[in-house]
Each structure stands twice: as structure tokens, then as C-alpha cells.
N, C-alpha and C. Protein backbone atom coordinates (compact mmCIF):
# COMPACT_ATOMS: atom_id res chain seq x y z
N GLN A 1 1.34 12.90 -28.30
CA GLN A 1 2.23 13.31 -27.21
C GLN A 1 3.56 12.86 -27.70
N VAL A 2 4.73 13.90 -27.96
CA VAL A 2 6.07 13.27 -28.40
C VAL A 2 6.86 12.49 -27.17
N ARG A 3 7.34 11.63 -27.33
CA ARG A 3 7.97 10.67 -26.34
C ARG A 3 9.22 10.15 -26.89
N LEU A 4 10.16 10.41 -26.78
CA LEU A 4 11.68 9.81 -26.58
C LEU A 4 12.32 9.14 -25.66
N VAL A 5 12.61 7.86 -25.75
CA VAL A 5 13.33 7.08 -24.67
C VAL A 5 14.44 6.61 -25.01
N GLU A 6 15.78 6.98 -24.39
CA GLU A 6 16.83 6.24 -24.65
C GLU A 6 17.41 5.46 -23.93
N SER A 7 18.16 4.25 -24.31
CA SER A 7 18.72 3.05 -23.70
C SER A 7 19.95 2.81 -24.39
N GLY A 8 20.68 1.73 -23.79
CA GLY A 8 22.02 1.30 -24.07
C GLY A 8 23.49 1.78 -23.44
N GLY A 9 23.15 2.70 -22.25
CA GLY A 9 24.01 3.28 -21.83
C GLY A 9 24.77 2.52 -21.06
N GLY A 10 26.17 2.80 -20.13
CA GLY A 10 26.70 2.19 -19.35
C GLY A 10 28.09 2.44 -19.21
N LEU A 11 28.88 1.37 -18.51
CA LEU A 11 30.10 1.48 -17.93
C LEU A 11 30.78 0.91 -19.11
N VAL A 12 31.76 1.40 -19.87
CA VAL A 12 32.62 0.75 -20.71
C VAL A 12 34.02 1.33 -20.62
N GLN A 13 35.03 0.33 -20.94
CA GLN A 13 36.34 0.81 -21.03
C GLN A 13 36.85 1.53 -21.94
N PRO A 14 37.98 2.26 -21.83
CA PRO A 14 38.38 2.93 -23.02
C PRO A 14 38.87 1.98 -24.17
N GLY A 15 38.56 2.61 -25.40
CA GLY A 15 38.36 1.69 -26.60
C GLY A 15 37.23 0.75 -26.63
N GLY A 16 36.54 0.65 -25.87
CA GLY A 16 35.38 0.21 -26.12
C GLY A 16 34.23 0.43 -26.99
N SER A 17 33.12 -0.08 -26.96
CA SER A 17 31.97 0.26 -27.69
C SER A 17 30.62 0.03 -27.08
N LEU A 18 29.82 0.97 -27.40
CA LEU A 18 28.46 1.12 -26.81
C LEU A 18 27.55 1.50 -28.34
N ARG A 19 26.43 0.60 -28.30
CA ARG A 19 25.17 1.34 -29.08
C ARG A 19 23.91 1.77 -28.37
N LEU A 20 23.98 3.08 -28.40
CA LEU A 20 22.70 3.80 -27.90
C LEU A 20 21.53 3.44 -29.03
N SER A 21 20.05 3.60 -28.36
CA SER A 21 19.11 3.62 -29.12
C SER A 21 18.23 4.73 -28.77
N CYS A 22 17.09 4.94 -29.42
CA CYS A 22 16.24 6.04 -29.27
C CYS A 22 14.96 5.78 -29.55
N ALA A 23 13.98 5.11 -28.81
CA ALA A 23 12.31 4.80 -29.09
C ALA A 23 11.73 5.96 -29.27
N ALA A 24 11.13 6.22 -30.37
CA ALA A 24 10.23 7.52 -30.56
C ALA A 24 8.99 7.20 -30.97
N SER A 25 7.81 8.05 -30.34
CA SER A 25 6.51 7.72 -30.64
C SER A 25 5.85 9.07 -30.29
N GLY A 26 4.63 9.41 -31.26
CA GLY A 26 3.74 10.50 -31.05
C GLY A 26 4.08 11.46 -31.79
N PHE A 27 4.71 11.39 -33.25
CA PHE A 27 5.16 11.98 -34.13
C PHE A 27 5.26 11.01 -35.63
N ALA A 28 5.40 11.92 -36.58
CA ALA A 28 5.71 11.03 -37.82
C ALA A 28 7.40 10.76 -38.04
N PHE A 29 7.49 10.01 -37.38
CA PHE A 29 9.37 9.71 -37.10
C PHE A 29 10.03 9.88 -38.48
N SER A 30 9.58 9.30 -39.50
CA SER A 30 10.42 9.57 -40.83
C SER A 30 10.35 10.71 -41.61
N ASP A 31 9.22 11.65 -41.08
CA ASP A 31 9.54 13.00 -41.26
C ASP A 31 10.61 14.06 -40.67
N TYR A 32 10.99 13.51 -39.89
CA TYR A 32 12.18 14.64 -39.14
C TYR A 32 13.30 14.17 -39.25
N ALA A 33 14.32 15.36 -39.23
CA ALA A 33 15.60 15.10 -38.80
C ALA A 33 15.88 14.84 -37.32
N LEU A 34 16.62 14.14 -36.80
CA LEU A 34 16.96 13.81 -35.53
C LEU A 34 18.38 13.97 -35.35
N ASN A 35 18.52 14.06 -33.88
CA ASN A 35 19.83 14.41 -33.20
C ASN A 35 20.07 13.42 -31.92
N TRP A 36 21.82 13.66 -31.64
CA TRP A 36 22.11 12.98 -30.28
C TRP A 36 22.64 14.16 -29.87
N TYR A 37 22.63 14.40 -28.88
CA TYR A 37 23.23 15.33 -27.92
C TYR A 37 23.62 14.58 -26.70
N ARG A 38 24.85 15.41 -26.02
CA ARG A 38 25.47 14.92 -24.79
C ARG A 38 25.56 16.15 -23.98
N GLN A 39 25.74 15.66 -22.73
CA GLN A 39 26.33 16.76 -21.65
C GLN A 39 27.15 16.30 -20.61
N ALA A 40 28.36 16.59 -20.36
CA ALA A 40 29.01 16.05 -19.30
C ALA A 40 28.82 16.79 -18.23
N PRO A 41 29.43 16.52 -17.29
CA PRO A 41 29.50 17.10 -15.93
C PRO A 41 30.22 18.58 -15.94
N GLY A 42 29.21 19.90 -15.38
CA GLY A 42 30.18 20.78 -15.67
C GLY A 42 30.27 21.64 -16.76
N LYS A 43 29.52 21.11 -18.13
CA LYS A 43 29.77 21.39 -19.37
C LYS A 43 28.37 21.58 -19.95
N GLU A 44 28.37 22.47 -21.02
CA GLU A 44 27.11 22.74 -21.77
C GLU A 44 26.88 21.51 -22.63
N ARG A 45 25.52 21.51 -22.87
CA ARG A 45 24.94 20.29 -23.88
C ARG A 45 25.45 20.56 -25.31
N GLU A 46 26.02 19.60 -25.84
CA GLU A 46 26.51 19.55 -27.32
C GLU A 46 25.91 18.86 -28.30
N LEU A 47 25.94 19.23 -29.48
CA LEU A 47 25.43 18.33 -30.49
C LEU A 47 26.64 17.48 -31.18
N VAL A 48 26.32 16.35 -30.97
CA VAL A 48 27.05 15.03 -31.27
C VAL A 48 26.72 14.47 -32.94
N ALA A 49 25.47 14.34 -32.96
CA ALA A 49 25.21 13.80 -34.47
C ALA A 49 23.77 14.50 -34.89
N THR A 50 23.59 14.45 -36.17
CA THR A 50 22.42 14.81 -36.81
C THR A 50 22.19 13.67 -38.08
N ILE A 51 21.05 13.18 -38.19
CA ILE A 51 20.65 12.34 -39.36
C ILE A 51 19.49 12.82 -39.86
N PRO A 52 19.70 13.32 -41.42
CA PRO A 52 18.43 13.75 -41.90
C PRO A 52 17.17 12.92 -42.05
N SER A 53 16.14 13.35 -42.63
CA SER A 53 14.89 12.50 -42.46
C SER A 53 14.93 11.39 -43.59
N ALA A 54 15.45 12.22 -44.80
CA ALA A 54 15.41 11.15 -45.89
C ALA A 54 16.35 11.86 -46.89
N GLY A 55 17.40 10.51 -47.28
CA GLY A 55 18.55 10.88 -47.97
C GLY A 55 19.53 12.11 -47.51
N GLY A 56 20.40 12.49 -47.93
CA GLY A 56 21.37 13.40 -47.21
C GLY A 56 22.55 12.57 -46.63
N ASN A 57 23.57 13.13 -46.02
CA ASN A 57 24.52 12.66 -45.18
C ASN A 57 24.26 13.07 -43.76
N PRO A 58 24.62 11.84 -42.85
CA PRO A 58 24.52 12.45 -41.31
C PRO A 58 25.70 13.72 -41.02
N ASN A 59 25.66 14.31 -40.24
CA ASN A 59 26.55 15.25 -39.69
C ASN A 59 27.37 14.88 -38.41
N TYR A 60 28.57 14.98 -38.12
CA TYR A 60 28.81 14.75 -36.62
C TYR A 60 29.90 15.74 -36.14
N ALA A 61 29.87 15.75 -34.88
CA ALA A 61 30.97 16.71 -34.15
C ALA A 61 32.37 16.38 -34.64
N ASP A 62 33.25 16.96 -34.57
CA ASP A 62 34.45 16.76 -35.00
C ASP A 62 35.37 15.84 -33.98
N SER A 63 34.96 16.05 -32.78
CA SER A 63 35.15 15.26 -31.78
C SER A 63 34.78 13.85 -31.96
N VAL A 64 33.87 13.48 -32.32
CA VAL A 64 33.33 11.94 -32.77
C VAL A 64 33.39 11.34 -34.37
N LYS A 65 33.87 12.26 -35.04
CA LYS A 65 34.14 11.85 -36.43
C LYS A 65 34.87 10.68 -36.38
N GLY A 66 34.41 9.54 -37.27
CA GLY A 66 35.44 8.49 -37.89
C GLY A 66 35.23 7.57 -36.47
N ARG A 67 34.60 7.82 -35.38
CA ARG A 67 34.05 6.75 -34.33
C ARG A 67 32.89 6.63 -34.17
N PHE A 68 31.84 7.68 -34.08
CA PHE A 68 30.48 7.49 -33.82
C PHE A 68 29.81 7.08 -34.93
N THR A 69 28.62 6.38 -35.28
CA THR A 69 27.84 6.59 -36.33
C THR A 69 26.47 6.49 -35.78
N ILE A 70 25.85 7.41 -36.67
CA ILE A 70 24.11 7.65 -36.29
C ILE A 70 23.32 6.89 -37.18
N SER A 71 22.51 6.26 -37.29
CA SER A 71 21.52 5.64 -38.09
C SER A 71 20.18 6.03 -37.46
N ARG A 72 19.40 5.44 -38.08
CA ARG A 72 17.78 5.16 -38.01
C ARG A 72 17.05 4.09 -38.71
N ASP A 73 15.89 3.38 -38.15
CA ASP A 73 15.08 2.71 -38.83
C ASP A 73 13.76 3.23 -38.73
N ASN A 74 13.31 3.69 -39.67
CA ASN A 74 12.07 4.14 -39.74
C ASN A 74 10.99 3.15 -39.60
N ALA A 75 10.85 2.25 -39.83
CA ALA A 75 9.87 0.88 -39.64
C ALA A 75 9.94 0.83 -38.25
N LYS A 76 10.86 1.28 -37.40
CA LYS A 76 11.02 0.91 -35.91
C LYS A 76 10.82 2.18 -35.10
N ASN A 77 10.74 3.35 -35.74
CA ASN A 77 10.69 4.42 -35.05
C ASN A 77 11.70 4.62 -33.87
N THR A 78 13.10 4.33 -34.63
CA THR A 78 14.03 4.07 -33.50
C THR A 78 15.38 4.79 -34.35
N MET A 79 16.12 5.49 -33.45
CA MET A 79 17.43 5.92 -33.86
C MET A 79 18.36 5.35 -33.13
N TYR A 80 19.73 5.31 -33.44
CA TYR A 80 20.86 4.46 -32.86
C TYR A 80 22.08 5.61 -32.99
N LEU A 81 23.12 5.18 -32.21
CA LEU A 81 24.47 5.92 -32.12
C LEU A 81 25.15 4.89 -31.68
N GLN A 82 26.01 4.13 -32.77
CA GLN A 82 27.08 3.23 -32.50
C GLN A 82 28.27 4.07 -31.99
N MET A 83 28.70 3.88 -31.13
CA MET A 83 30.08 4.47 -30.74
C MET A 83 30.96 3.58 -30.19
N ASN A 84 32.36 3.75 -31.33
CA ASN A 84 33.43 2.93 -31.20
C ASN A 84 34.47 3.45 -30.73
N SER A 85 35.38 2.91 -30.36
CA SER A 85 37.01 3.61 -29.79
C SER A 85 36.68 4.43 -28.69
N LEU A 86 35.63 4.17 -27.83
CA LEU A 86 35.30 5.30 -26.95
C LEU A 86 36.73 5.74 -25.90
N LYS A 87 36.44 7.21 -25.81
CA LYS A 87 37.44 7.63 -24.73
C LYS A 87 36.99 8.25 -23.54
N PRO A 88 37.94 8.43 -22.29
CA PRO A 88 37.14 9.06 -21.07
C PRO A 88 36.37 10.26 -21.33
N GLU A 89 37.09 11.24 -22.62
CA GLU A 89 36.12 12.56 -22.62
C GLU A 89 35.08 12.15 -23.06
N ASP A 90 34.19 10.79 -23.82
CA ASP A 90 32.91 10.70 -24.37
C ASP A 90 32.07 10.34 -22.94
N THR A 91 32.72 10.33 -21.94
CA THR A 91 31.68 10.54 -20.62
C THR A 91 30.62 11.52 -20.75
N ALA A 92 29.16 11.20 -20.33
CA ALA A 92 28.28 12.34 -20.46
C ALA A 92 26.91 11.33 -20.31
N VAL A 93 25.95 12.50 -20.26
CA VAL A 93 24.68 11.97 -20.45
C VAL A 93 24.44 12.08 -21.94
N TYR A 94 23.97 11.08 -22.68
CA TYR A 94 23.45 11.14 -24.16
C TYR A 94 21.92 11.35 -24.22
N TYR A 95 21.38 12.48 -25.01
CA TYR A 95 20.26 12.49 -25.21
C TYR A 95 19.87 12.58 -26.82
N CYS A 96 18.70 12.05 -26.82
CA CYS A 96 18.27 12.50 -28.53
C CYS A 96 17.33 13.44 -28.49
N ASN A 97 16.75 13.96 -29.56
CA ASN A 97 16.42 15.20 -29.81
C ASN A 97 15.38 15.44 -31.11
N VAL A 98 14.51 15.69 -30.90
CA VAL A 98 13.82 15.98 -32.23
C VAL A 98 13.19 17.52 -32.03
N HIS A 99 13.59 18.23 -33.30
CA HIS A 99 13.16 19.80 -33.03
C HIS A 99 11.94 19.77 -34.28
N ARG A 100 10.54 19.94 -33.48
CA ARG A 100 9.27 19.89 -34.28
C ARG A 100 8.41 20.88 -33.94
N PHE A 101 8.05 21.70 -34.75
CA PHE A 101 7.11 22.85 -35.05
C PHE A 101 7.85 23.78 -33.73
N TRP A 102 8.76 24.19 -33.95
CA TRP A 102 9.41 25.28 -33.08
C TRP A 102 9.89 24.51 -31.60
N ILE A 103 9.59 23.63 -31.49
CA ILE A 103 9.81 22.98 -30.13
C ILE A 103 10.75 22.03 -30.08
N ASP A 104 11.59 22.07 -29.29
CA ASP A 104 12.72 20.69 -29.03
C ASP A 104 12.27 19.94 -27.90
N TYR A 105 12.20 18.46 -28.40
CA TYR A 105 11.81 17.53 -27.51
C TYR A 105 13.13 16.70 -27.12
N TRP A 106 12.85 16.54 -25.97
CA TRP A 106 14.27 15.34 -25.57
C TRP A 106 13.73 14.21 -24.59
N GLY A 107 14.64 13.29 -25.10
CA GLY A 107 14.43 12.19 -24.12
C GLY A 107 15.10 12.30 -22.54
N GLN A 108 14.91 11.30 -21.72
CA GLN A 108 15.49 11.42 -20.43
C GLN A 108 16.71 11.42 -20.02
N GLY A 109 17.60 10.86 -21.30
CA GLY A 109 18.88 10.55 -21.29
C GLY A 109 19.49 9.48 -20.85
N THR A 110 20.59 8.82 -21.26
CA THR A 110 21.16 7.58 -20.77
C THR A 110 22.71 7.99 -20.46
N GLN A 111 23.62 7.62 -19.20
CA GLN A 111 24.77 7.91 -19.05
C GLN A 111 25.57 7.03 -19.80
N VAL A 112 26.40 7.60 -20.47
CA VAL A 112 27.68 6.74 -20.79
C VAL A 112 29.04 7.29 -20.10
N THR A 113 29.63 6.30 -19.26
CA THR A 113 30.80 6.32 -18.53
C THR A 113 32.10 5.45 -19.40
N VAL A 114 32.77 6.36 -19.45
CA VAL A 114 33.96 5.36 -20.21
C VAL A 114 35.32 5.63 -19.14
N SER A 115 35.82 4.75 -18.44
CA SER A 115 36.85 4.54 -17.50
C SER A 115 37.14 3.38 -17.43
N SER A 116 38.28 2.79 -17.14
CA SER A 116 38.98 1.57 -16.65
C SER A 116 39.09 1.59 -15.14
């Protein structure tokens, strides 16, 4: 059974940093590309960053390039999203995602609020 559990969200001031984690289980973690999505109130869910299964470069939404860094630790079955220089428009629920055998799996999400 695939399980994804996000953590690390919270309230941070503009310009601050947070690191999100996604602990995964129930599948061969190192074999799959992984994604971070976010959904702000009243908006559609959007892809923030993708990290390949092996090799290759991560991809980022234009809105977060240069500020966010996606990474993974295959030994720990965990993915991360380091978020720096946070802006109020980064406020959203952040979800980790894996697409496996034509099915999208999602975690429960973690709230990130950027406000002074």
C-alpha cells in the first residue's frame, strides 16, 4: 500500500525558509520520479517541482526557480523541498505525489503560510 506523509509546514515570515519532508512507503521509492504540488485557496493544484528517479536534473515551476530546491534520500525513502526567500504567494497546502502504474498517489498535505 502506497503511503506518502508530508511534514514541515508552518507559519513563516516573508523572506524566511522552511524545509518540507515527504516520507514514502509501499513502493520501490528509488525507481520513481517524485513531485511536489501545491494548492492555494481558490486555485487549482499546481506542480512545483519534480525530481527524477536517477540522474537527470530536477524541474521547477518558474515561480519558484532559484528559491526552492527539491531533493531525495533513497536510503531513507524520503523526499524534501527546501524553500527559501518565501513570499506570501507561496502560501498553500503542499502535497507530495508519485505517479505509479497509471495512478496518482498523494499525501495528506502540509500547510505553508507566509505572512508577517
